[in-house]
Amino acid sequence: MMMMPIEEEIEFRDGKYLRTTILRNVGTIGEQHRHHFDHDALISRGAATLYVDGVFNGHYFEGDIISIKAMTLHHFIALKPDTRITCIWPDDIDIEAAIVR
């Protein structure tokens, strides 16, 4: 499957970093990456499949919150158009080094 355009933004709100990724089309693949910290991901719109360390983890739907462990390689694939995934990061991270590719 080919990579398709995605949109991303990071904001600081209520003492947390929020990294929002919008996967515009069904089948859009988010970039594989990892972090040095545990975090949660909220499917705030749509639905997505999650792979962790190359293994299918599950299908997740609007309103689902997924816990992702530090240093696990992970990525989402959109199951619905305009899927929005908001990752919730702790406030004490180095934002410039948050994503390890």
PDB file of N, CA and C in Angstrom:
ATOM      1  N   MET A   1       0.840  -1.181   0.000  1.00  0.00           N
ATOM      2  CA  MET A   1       0.000   0.000   0.000  1.00  0.00           C
ATOM      3  C   MET A   1       0.887   1.247   0.000  1.00  0.00           C
ATOM      4  N   MET A   2       0.526   2.263  -0.747  1.00  0.00           N
ATOM      5  CA  MET A   2       1.355   3.467  -0.822  1.00  0.00           C
ATOM      6  C   MET A   2       0.990   4.488   0.255  1.00  0.00           C
ATOM      7  N   MET A   3       1.976   5.320   0.605  1.00  0.00           N
ATOM      8  CA  MET A   3       1.727   6.400   1.559  1.00  0.00           C
ATOM      9  C   MET A   3       0.878   7.468   0.872  1.00  0.00           C
ATOM     10  N   MET A   4      -0.080   8.014   1.584  1.00  0.00           N
ATOM     11  CA  MET A   4      -0.927   9.079   1.068  1.00  0.00           C
ATOM     12  C   MET A   4      -0.790  10.284   1.975  1.00  0.00           C
ATOM     13  N   PRO A   5      -1.186  11.455   1.490  1.00  0.00           N
ATOM     14  CA  PRO A   5      -1.016  12.673   2.302  1.00  0.00           C
ATOM     15  C   PRO A   5      -1.736  12.603   3.649  1.00  0.00           C
ATOM     16  N   ILE A   6      -1.063  13.160   4.632  1.00  0.00           N
ATOM     17  CA  ILE A   6      -1.653  13.286   5.963  1.00  0.00           C
ATOM     18  C   ILE A   6      -1.397  14.706   6.445  1.00  0.00           C
ATOM     19  N   GLU A   7      -2.159  15.115   7.417  1.00  0.00           N
ATOM     20  CA  GLU A   7      -1.963  16.432   8.035  1.00  0.00           C
ATOM     21  C   GLU A   7      -1.644  16.217   9.501  1.00  0.00           C
ATOM     22  N   GLU A   8      -0.714  17.014  10.035  1.00  0.00           N
ATOM     23  CA  GLU A   8      -0.336  16.898  11.437  1.00  0.00           C
ATOM     24  C   GLU A   8      -0.191  18.269  12.072  1.00  0.00           C
ATOM     25  N   GLU A   9      -0.485  18.323  13.364  1.00  0.00           N
ATOM     26  CA  GLU A   9      -0.226  19.532  14.134  1.00  0.00           C
ATOM     27  C   GLU A   9       0.026  19.131  15.583  1.00  0.00           C
ATOM     28  N   ILE A  10       0.848  19.911  16.255  1.00  0.00           N
ATOM     29  CA  ILE A  10       1.119  19.694  17.680  1.00  0.00           C
ATOM     30  C   ILE A  10       0.757  20.975  18.412  1.00  0.00           C
ATOM     31  N   GLU A  11      -0.001  20.830  19.488  1.00  0.00           N
ATOM     32  CA  GLU A  11      -0.360  21.984  20.306  1.00  0.00           C
ATOM     33  C   GLU A  11      -0.217  21.626  21.775  1.00  0.00           C
ATOM     34  N   PHE A  12      -0.088  22.621  22.606  1.00  0.00           N
ATOM     35  CA  PHE A  12      -0.002  22.424  24.052  1.00  0.00           C
ATOM     36  C   PHE A  12      -1.290  22.955  24.649  1.00  0.00           C
ATOM     37  N   ARG A  13      -2.023  22.061  25.339  1.00  0.00           N
ATOM     38  CA  ARG A  13      -3.304  22.474  25.910  1.00  0.00           C
ATOM     39  C   ARG A  13      -3.510  21.748  27.241  1.00  0.00           C
ATOM     40  N   ASP A  14      -3.929  22.481  28.245  1.00  0.00           N
ATOM     41  CA  ASP A  14      -4.251  21.912  29.556  1.00  0.00           C
ATOM     42  C   ASP A  14      -3.119  21.047  30.117  1.00  0.00           C
ATOM     43  N   GLY A  15      -1.878  21.506  29.916  1.00  0.00           N
ATOM     44  CA  GLY A  15      -0.733  20.820  30.488  1.00  0.00           C
ATOM     45  C   GLY A  15      -0.292  19.568  29.758  1.00  0.00           C
ATOM     46  N   LYS A  16      -0.787  19.359  28.544  1.00  0.00           N
ATOM     47  CA  LYS A  16      -0.402  18.188  27.747  1.00  0.00           C
ATOM     48  C   LYS A  16      -0.088  18.622  26.324  1.00  0.00           C
ATOM     49  N   TYR A  17       0.819  17.891  25.684  1.00  0.00           N
ATOM     50  CA  TYR A  17       1.024  18.068  24.253  1.00  0.00           C
ATOM     51  C   TYR A  17       0.013  17.184  23.532  1.00  0.00           C
ATOM     52  N   LEU A  18      -0.634  17.727  22.517  1.00  0.00           N
ATOM     53  CA  LEU A  18      -1.586  16.982  21.693  1.00  0.00           C
ATOM     54  C   LEU A  18      -1.057  16.971  20.267  1.00  0.00           C
ATOM     55  N   ARG A  19      -0.780  15.786  19.767  1.00  0.00           N
ATOM     56  CA  ARG A  19      -0.340  15.650  18.371  1.00  0.00           C
ATOM     57  C   ARG A  19      -1.506  15.050  17.604  1.00  0.00           C
ATOM     58  N   THR A  20      -2.080  15.839  16.721  1.00  0.00           N
ATOM     59  CA  THR A  20      -3.230  15.397  15.944  1.00  0.00           C
ATOM     60  C   THR A  20      -2.791  15.075  14.524  1.00  0.00           C
ATOM     61  N   THR A  21      -3.187  13.900  14.075  1.00  0.00           N
ATOM     62  CA  THR A  21      -2.920  13.461  12.709  1.00  0.00           C
ATOM     63  C   THR A  21      -4.256  13.200  12.034  1.00  0.00           C
ATOM     64  N   ILE A  22      -4.415  13.759  10.840  1.00  0.00           N
ATOM     65  CA  ILE A  22      -5.626  13.508  10.051  1.00  0.00           C
ATOM     66  C   ILE A  22      -5.227  12.670   8.846  1.00  0.00           C
ATOM     67  N   LEU A  23      -5.837  11.502   8.743  1.00  0.00           N
ATOM     68  CA  LEU A  23      -5.623  10.604   7.615  1.00  0.00           C
ATOM     69  C   LEU A  23      -6.816  10.811   6.681  1.00  0.00           C
ATOM     70  N   ARG A  24      -6.577  11.491   5.562  1.00  0.00           N
ATOM     71  CA  ARG A  24      -7.671  11.987   4.713  1.00  0.00           C
ATOM     72  C   ARG A  24      -8.452  10.900   3.981  1.00  0.00           C
ATOM     73  N   ASN A  25      -7.800   9.836   3.557  1.00  0.00           N
ATOM     74  CA  ASN A  25      -8.463   8.838   2.716  1.00  0.00           C
ATOM     75  C   ASN A  25      -8.434   7.461   3.365  1.00  0.00           C
ATOM     76  N   VAL A  26      -9.424   6.636   3.056  1.00  0.00           N
ATOM     77  CA  VAL A  26      -9.403   5.246   3.492  1.00  0.00           C
ATOM     78  C   VAL A  26      -8.130   4.615   2.934  1.00  0.00           C
ATOM     79  N   GLY A  27      -7.400   3.915   3.794  1.00  0.00           N
ATOM     80  CA  GLY A  27      -6.147   3.281   3.367  1.00  0.00           C
ATOM     81  C   GLY A  27      -4.912   4.139   3.569  1.00  0.00           C
ATOM     82  N   THR A  28      -5.099   5.404   3.958  1.00  0.00           N
ATOM     83  CA  THR A  28      -3.940   6.257   4.232  1.00  0.00           C
ATOM     84  C   THR A  28      -3.154   5.655   5.390  1.00  0.00           C
ATOM     85  N   ILE A  29      -1.836   5.573   5.213  1.00  0.00           N
ATOM     86  CA  ILE A  29      -0.950   4.976   6.214  1.00  0.00           C
ATOM     87  C   ILE A  29      -0.167   6.082   6.908  1.00  0.00           C
ATOM     88  N   GLY A  30      -0.306   6.166   8.225  1.00  0.00           N
ATOM     89  CA  GLY A  30       0.512   7.098   8.992  1.00  0.00           C
ATOM     90  C   GLY A  30       1.940   6.573   9.082  1.00  0.00           C
ATOM     91  N   GLU A  31       2.883   7.471   9.239  1.00  0.00           N
ATOM     92  CA  GLU A  31       4.287   7.085   9.309  1.00  0.00           C
ATOM     93  C   GLU A  31       4.574   6.238  10.553  1.00  0.00           C
ATOM     94  N   GLN A  32       5.341   5.156  10.367  1.00  0.00           N
ATOM     95  CA  GLN A  32       5.779   4.360  11.511  1.00  0.00           C
ATOM     96  C   GLN A  32       6.761   5.180  12.335  1.00  0.00           C
ATOM     97  N   HIS A  33       6.615   5.093  13.646  1.00  0.00           N
ATOM     98  CA  HIS A  33       7.507   5.847  14.529  1.00  0.00           C
ATOM     99  C   HIS A  33       7.418   5.274  15.933  1.00  0.00           C
ATOM    100  N   ARG A  34       8.242   5.801  16.817  1.00  0.00           N
ATOM    101  CA  ARG A  34       8.211   5.400  18.228  1.00  0.00           C
ATOM    102  C   ARG A  34       8.543   6.614  19.082  1.00  0.00           C
ATOM    103  N   HIS A  35       8.307   6.490  20.385  1.00  0.00           N
ATOM    104  CA  HIS A  35       8.576   7.554  21.348  1.00  0.00           C
ATOM    105  C   HIS A  35       9.331   6.971  22.536  1.00  0.00           C
ATOM    106  N   HIS A  36      10.013   7.816  23.276  1.00  0.00           N
ATOM    107  CA  HIS A  36      10.735   7.396  24.477  1.00  0.00           C
ATOM    108  C   HIS A  36       9.823   7.365  25.700  1.00  0.00           C
ATOM    109  N   PHE A  37       8.530   7.502  25.517  1.00  0.00           N
ATOM    110  CA  PHE A  37       7.577   7.591  26.628  1.00  0.00           C
ATOM    111  C   PHE A  37       6.281   6.881  26.255  1.00  0.00           C
ATOM    112  N   ASP A  38       5.567   6.398  27.269  1.00  0.00           N
ATOM    113  CA  ASP A  38       4.219   5.862  27.065  1.00  0.00           C
ATOM    114  C   ASP A  38       3.291   7.019  26.715  1.00  0.00           C
ATOM    115  N   HIS A  39       2.258   6.734  25.944  1.00  0.00           N
ATOM    116  CA  HIS A  39       1.255   7.761  25.673  1.00  0.00           C
ATOM    117  C   HIS A  39      -0.064   7.098  25.280  1.00  0.00           C
ATOM    118  N   ASP A  40      -1.110   7.897  25.261  1.00  0.00           N
ATOM    119  CA  ASP A  40      -2.420   7.447  24.809  1.00  0.00           C
ATOM    120  C   ASP A  40      -2.736   8.072  23.467  1.00  0.00           C
ATOM    121  N   ALA A  41      -3.522   7.359  22.677  1.00  0.00           N
ATOM    122  CA  ALA A  41      -4.007   7.874  21.396  1.00  0.00           C
ATOM    123  C   ALA A  41      -5.532   7.793  21.407  1.00  0.00           C
ATOM    124  N   LEU A  42      -6.184   8.888  21.058  1.00  0.00           N
ATOM    125  CA  LEU A  42      -7.639   8.972  20.985  1.00  0.00           C
ATOM    126  C   LEU A  42      -8.057   9.007  19.520  1.00  0.00           C
ATOM    127  N   ILE A  43      -8.950   8.116  19.140  1.00  0.00           N
ATOM    128  CA  ILE A  43      -9.557   8.207  17.805  1.00  0.00           C
ATOM    129  C   ILE A  43     -10.688   9.221  17.956  1.00  0.00           C
ATOM    130  N   SER A  44     -10.403  10.463  17.595  1.00  0.00           N
ATOM    131  CA  SER A  44     -11.379  11.526  17.826  1.00  0.00           C
ATOM    132  C   SER A  44     -12.372  11.669  16.667  1.00  0.00           C
ATOM    133  N   ARG A  45     -12.086  11.010  15.535  1.00  0.00           N
ATOM    134  CA  ARG A  45     -13.047  10.951  14.423  1.00  0.00           C
ATOM    135  C   ARG A  45     -12.662   9.780  13.531  1.00  0.00           C
ATOM    136  N   GLY A  46     -13.632   9.070  13.021  1.00  0.00           N
ATOM    137  CA  GLY A  46     -13.377   7.995  12.073  1.00  0.00           C
ATOM    138  C   GLY A  46     -13.011   6.678  12.720  1.00  0.00           C
ATOM    139  N   ALA A  47     -12.134   5.940  12.045  1.00  0.00           N
ATOM    140  CA  ALA A  47     -11.704   4.622  12.516  1.00  0.00           C
ATOM    141  C   ALA A  47     -10.359   4.291  11.894  1.00  0.00           C
ATOM    142  N   ALA A  48      -9.572   3.464  12.605  1.00  0.00           N
ATOM    143  CA  ALA A  48      -8.243   3.108  12.109  1.00  0.00           C
ATOM    144  C   ALA A  48      -7.815   1.748  12.629  1.00  0.00           C
ATOM    145  N   THR A  49      -6.917   1.139  11.886  1.00  0.00           N
ATOM    146  CA  THR A  49      -6.242  -0.079  12.305  1.00  0.00           C
ATOM    147  C   THR A  49      -4.894   0.330  12.877  1.00  0.00           C
ATOM    148  N   LEU A  50      -4.491  -0.303  13.985  1.00  0.00           N
ATOM    149  CA  LEU A  50      -3.203  -0.024  14.610  1.00  0.00           C
ATOM    150  C   LEU A  50      -2.293  -1.236  14.485  1.00  0.00           C
ATOM    151  N   TYR A  51      -1.040  -0.988  14.071  1.00  0.00           N
ATOM    152  CA  TYR A  51       0.006  -1.999  14.086  1.00  0.00           C
ATOM    153  C   TYR A  51       1.063  -1.559  15.089  1.00  0.00           C
ATOM    154  N   VAL A  52       1.497  -2.499  15.943  1.00  0.00           N
ATOM    155  CA  VAL A  52       2.532  -2.232  16.941  1.00  0.00           C
ATOM    156  C   VAL A  52       3.640  -3.262  16.741  1.00  0.00           C
ATOM    157  N   ASP A  53       4.848  -2.759  16.531  1.00  0.00           N
ATOM    158  CA  ASP A  53       6.003  -3.631  16.252  1.00  0.00           C
ATOM    159  C   ASP A  53       5.695  -4.616  15.123  1.00  0.00           C
ATOM    160  N   GLY A  54       4.991  -4.114  14.096  1.00  0.00           N
ATOM    161  CA  GLY A  54       4.694  -4.896  12.904  1.00  0.00           C
ATOM    162  C   GLY A  54       3.558  -5.900  13.039  1.00  0.00           C
ATOM    163  N   VAL A  55       2.910  -5.916  14.200  1.00  0.00           N
ATOM    164  CA  VAL A  55       1.846  -6.885  14.461  1.00  0.00           C
ATOM    165  C   VAL A  55       0.502  -6.161  14.568  1.00  0.00           C
ATOM    166  N   PHE A  56      -0.519  -6.716  13.921  1.00  0.00           N
ATOM    167  CA  PHE A  56      -1.867  -6.166  14.019  1.00  0.00           C
ATOM    168  C   PHE A  56      -2.269  -6.083  15.488  1.00  0.00           C
ATOM    169  N   ASN A  57      -2.733  -4.876  15.908  1.00  0.00           N
ATOM    170  CA  ASN A  57      -3.135  -4.662  17.297  1.00  0.00           C
ATOM    171  C   ASN A  57      -4.655  -4.575  17.432  1.00  0.00           C
ATOM    172  N   GLY A  58      -5.340  -4.076  16.396  1.00  0.00           N
ATOM    173  CA  GLY A  58      -6.793  -3.987  16.454  1.00  0.00           C
ATOM    174  C   GLY A  58      -7.346  -2.896  15.565  1.00  0.00           C
ATOM    175  N   HIS A  59      -8.669  -2.926  15.422  1.00  0.00           N
ATOM    176  CA  HIS A  59      -9.415  -1.867  14.741  1.00  0.00           C
ATOM    177  C   HIS A  59      -9.993  -0.984  15.844  1.00  0.00           C
ATOM    178  N   TYR A  60      -9.850   0.313  15.683  1.00  0.00           N
ATOM    179  CA  TYR A  60     -10.319   1.252  16.699  1.00  0.00           C
ATOM    180  C   TYR A  60     -11.246   2.277  16.058  1.00  0.00           C
ATOM    181  N   PHE A  61     -12.214   2.738  16.855  1.00  0.00           N
ATOM    182  CA  PHE A  61     -13.285   3.579  16.332  1.00  0.00           C
ATOM    183  C   PHE A  61     -13.419   4.851  17.154  1.00  0.00           C
ATOM    184  N   GLU A  62     -14.128   5.816  16.594  1.00  0.00           N
ATOM    185  CA  GLU A  62     -14.318   7.119  17.237  1.00  0.00           C
ATOM    186  C   GLU A  62     -14.646   6.960  18.722  1.00  0.00           C
ATOM    187  N   GLY A  63     -13.865   7.642  19.545  1.00  0.00           N
ATOM    188  CA  GLY A  63     -14.052   7.593  20.989  1.00  0.00           C
ATOM    189  C   GLY A  63     -13.135   6.609  21.697  1.00  0.00           C
ATOM    190  N   ASP A  64     -12.517   5.700  20.957  1.00  0.00           N
ATOM    191  CA  ASP A  64     -11.603   4.737  21.570  1.00  0.00           C
ATOM    192  C   ASP A  64     -10.306   5.418  21.993  1.00  0.00           C
ATOM    193  N   ILE A  65      -9.767   4.993  23.135  1.00  0.00           N
ATOM    194  CA  ILE A  65      -8.470   5.455  23.624  1.00  0.00           C
ATOM    195  C   ILE A  65      -7.566   4.235  23.726  1.00  0.00           C
ATOM    196  N   ILE A  66      -6.386   4.343  23.122  1.00  0.00           N
ATOM    197  CA  ILE A  66      -5.438   3.238  23.067  1.00  0.00           C
ATOM    198  C   ILE A  66      -4.173   3.641  23.808  1.00  0.00           C
ATOM    199  N   SER A  67      -3.680   2.770  24.684  1.00  0.00           N
ATOM    200  CA  SER A  67      -2.409   3.014  25.372  1.00  0.00           C
ATOM    201  C   SER A  67      -1.278   2.414  24.548  1.00  0.00           C
ATOM    202  N   ILE A  68      -0.248   3.218  24.294  1.00  0.00           N
ATOM    203  CA  ILE A  68       0.896   2.784  23.497  1.00  0.00           C
ATOM    204  C   ILE A  68       2.147   2.888  24.361  1.00  0.00           C
ATOM    205  N   LYS A  69       2.859   1.790  24.484  1.00  0.00           N
ATOM    206  CA  LYS A  69       4.049   1.721  25.332  1.00  0.00           C
ATOM    207  C   LYS A  69       5.256   2.401  24.670  1.00  0.00           C
ATOM    208  N   ALA A  70       6.154   2.910  25.507  1.00  0.00           N
ATOM    209  CA  ALA A  70       7.385   3.547  25.036  1.00  0.00           C
ATOM    210  C   ALA A  70       8.188   2.582  24.159  1.00  0.00           C
ATOM    211  N   MET A  71       8.806   3.137  23.134  1.00  0.00           N
ATOM    212  CA  MET A  71       9.722   2.470  22.213  1.00  0.00           C
ATOM    213  C   MET A  71       9.098   1.359  21.374  1.00  0.00           C
ATOM    214  N   THR A  72       7.773   1.292  21.325  1.00  0.00           N
ATOM    215  CA  THR A  72       7.140   0.366  20.388  1.00  0.00           C
ATOM    216  C   THR A  72       6.945   1.099  19.062  1.00  0.00           C
ATOM    217  N   LEU A  73       7.299   0.428  17.983  1.00  0.00           N
ATOM    218  CA  LEU A  73       7.128   0.984  16.645  1.00  0.00           C
ATOM    219  C   LEU A  73       5.659   0.847  16.284  1.00  0.00           C
ATOM    220  N   HIS A  74       5.001   1.961  15.928  1.00  0.00           N
ATOM    221  CA  HIS A  74       3.561   1.899  15.691  1.00  0.00           C
ATOM    222  C   HIS A  74       3.137   2.817  14.549  1.00  0.00           C
ATOM    223  N   HIS A  75       2.021   2.446  13.939  1.00  0.00           N
ATOM    224  CA  HIS A  75       1.400   3.281  12.913  1.00  0.00           C
ATOM    225  C   HIS A  75      -0.065   2.893  12.754  1.00  0.00           C
ATOM    226  N   PHE A  76      -0.836   3.849  12.233  1.00  0.00           N
ATOM    227  CA  PHE A  76      -2.269   3.653  12.001  1.00  0.00           C
ATOM    228  C   PHE A  76      -2.545   3.650  10.498  1.00  0.00           C
ATOM    229  N   ILE A  77      -3.608   2.948  10.113  1.00  0.00           N
ATOM    230  CA  ILE A  77      -4.116   2.958   8.738  1.00  0.00           C
ATOM    231  C   ILE A  77      -5.598   3.322   8.817  1.00  0.00           C
ATOM    232  N   ALA A  78      -6.010   4.342   8.064  1.00  0.00           N
ATOM    233  CA  ALA A  78      -7.395   4.820   8.114  1.00  0.00           C
ATOM    234  C   ALA A  78      -8.373   3.792   7.550  1.00  0.00           C
ATOM    235  N   LEU A  79      -9.458   3.573   8.296  1.00  0.00           N
ATOM    236  CA  LEU A  79     -10.564   2.728   7.841  1.00  0.00           C
ATOM    237  C   LEU A  79     -11.731   3.558   7.324  1.00  0.00           C
ATOM    238  N   LYS A  80     -11.741   4.850   7.686  1.00  0.00           N
ATOM    239  CA  LYS A  80     -12.782   5.780   7.238  1.00  0.00           C
ATOM    240  C   LYS A  80     -12.100   7.065   6.765  1.00  0.00           C
ATOM    241  N   PRO A  81     -12.741   7.798   5.838  1.00  0.00           N
ATOM    242  CA  PRO A  81     -12.137   9.062   5.401  1.00  0.00           C
ATOM    243  C   PRO A  81     -12.075  10.081   6.541  1.00  0.00           C
ATOM    244  N   ASP A  82     -11.083  10.943   6.469  1.00  0.00           N
ATOM    245  CA  ASP A  82     -10.894  12.028   7.442  1.00  0.00           C
ATOM    246  C   ASP A  82     -10.783  11.526   8.880  1.00  0.00           C
ATOM    247  N   THR A  83     -10.110  10.395   9.052  1.00  0.00           N
ATOM    248  CA  THR A  83      -9.880   9.867  10.394  1.00  0.00           C
ATOM    249  C   THR A  83      -8.911  10.782  11.135  1.00  0.00           C
ATOM    250  N   ARG A  84      -9.252  11.107  12.373  1.00  0.00           N
ATOM    251  CA  ARG A  84      -8.458  12.019  13.196  1.00  0.00           C
ATOM    252  C   ARG A  84      -7.992  11.276  14.442  1.00  0.00           C
ATOM    253  N   ILE A  85      -6.673  11.235  14.631  1.00  0.00           N
ATOM    254  CA  ILE A  85      -6.068  10.552  15.773  1.00  0.00           C
ATOM    255  C   ILE A  85      -5.304  11.589  16.585  1.00  0.00           C
ATOM    256  N   THR A  86      -5.626  11.705  17.855  1.00  0.00           N
ATOM    257  CA  THR A  86      -4.963  12.669  18.730  1.00  0.00           C
ATOM    258  C   THR A  86      -4.158  11.910  19.772  1.00  0.00           C
ATOM    259  N   CYS A  87      -2.838  12.052  19.699  1.00  0.00           N
ATOM    260  CA  CYS A  87      -1.945  11.437  20.676  1.00  0.00           C
ATOM    261  C   CYS A  87      -1.732  12.427  21.816  1.00  0.00           C
ATOM    262  N   ILE A  88      -1.784  11.908  23.018  1.00  0.00           N
ATOM    263  CA  ILE A  88      -1.686  12.741  24.222  1.00  0.00           C
ATOM    264  C   ILE A  88      -0.340  12.441  24.870  1.00  0.00           C
ATOM    265  N   TRP A  89       0.539  13.437  24.844  1.00  0.00           N
ATOM    266  CA  TRP A  89       1.903  13.283  25.349  1.00  0.00           C
ATOM    267  C   TRP A  89       2.060  14.019  26.667  1.00  0.00           C
ATOM    268  N   PRO A  90       2.961  13.534  27.534  1.00  0.00           N
ATOM    269  CA  PRO A  90       3.217  14.236  28.802  1.00  0.00           C
ATOM    270  C   PRO A  90       3.838  15.603  28.573  1.00  0.00           C
ATOM    271  N   ASP A  91       3.716  16.481  29.557  1.00  0.00           N
ATOM    272  CA  ASP A  91       4.215  17.855  29.405  1.00  0.00           C
ATOM    273  C   ASP A  91       5.717  17.977  29.625  1.00  0.00           C
ATOM    274  N   ASP A  92       6.376  16.941  30.147  1.00  0.00           N
ATOM    275  CA  ASP A  92       7.789  17.050  30.493  1.00  0.00           C
ATOM    276  C   ASP A  92       8.719  16.436  29.445  1.00  0.00           C
ATOM    277  N   ILE A  93       8.253  16.323  28.208  1.00  0.00           N
ATOM    278  CA  ILE A  93       9.089  15.746  27.155  1.00  0.00           C
ATOM    279  C   ILE A  93       9.835  16.839  26.398  1.00  0.00           C
ATOM    280  N   ASP A  94      10.890  16.437  25.709  1.00  0.00           N
ATOM    281  CA  ASP A  94      11.583  17.308  24.767  1.00  0.00           C
ATOM    282  C   ASP A  94      10.812  17.205  23.456  1.00  0.00           C
ATOM    283  N   ILE A  95      10.026  18.187  23.148  1.00  0.00           N
ATOM    284  CA  ILE A  95       9.136  18.129  21.986  1.00  0.00           C
ATOM    285  C   ILE A  95       9.908  17.934  20.680  1.00  0.00           C
ATOM    286  N   GLU A  96      11.116  18.439  20.608  1.00  0.00           N
ATOM    287  CA  GLU A  96      11.928  18.293  19.392  1.00  0.00           C
ATOM    288  C   GLU A  96      12.408  16.848  19.186  1.00  0.00           C
ATOM    289  N   ALA A  97      12.495  16.088  20.268  1.00  0.00           N
ATOM    290  CA  ALA A  97      12.975  14.704  20.184  1.00  0.00           C
ATOM    291  C   ALA A  97      11.860  13.688  20.453  1.00  0.00           C
ATOM    292  N   ALA A  98      10.623  14.127  20.405  1.00  0.00           N
ATOM    293  CA  ALA A  98       9.493  13.273  20.795  1.00  0.00           C
ATOM    294  C   ALA A  98       9.276  12.100  19.848  1.00  0.00           C
ATOM    295  N   ILE A  99       9.529  12.299  18.568  1.00  0.00           N
ATOM    296  CA  ILE A  99       9.272  11.248  17.570  1.00  0.00           C
ATOM    297  C   ILE A  99      10.603  10.658  17.122  1.00  0.00           C
ATOM    298  N   VAL A 100      10.722   9.347  17.265  1.00  0.00           N
ATOM    299  CA  VAL A 100      11.916   8.625  16.826  1.00  0.00           C
ATOM    300  C   VAL A 100      11.525   7.836  15.592  1.00  0.00           C
ATOM    301  N   ARG A 101      12.211   8.117  14.490  1.00  0.00           N
ATOM    302  CA  ARG A 101      11.876   7.428  13.242  1.00  0.00           C
ATOM    303  C   ARG A 101      12.852   6.314  12.963  1.00  0.00           C
TER     304      ARG A 101
END
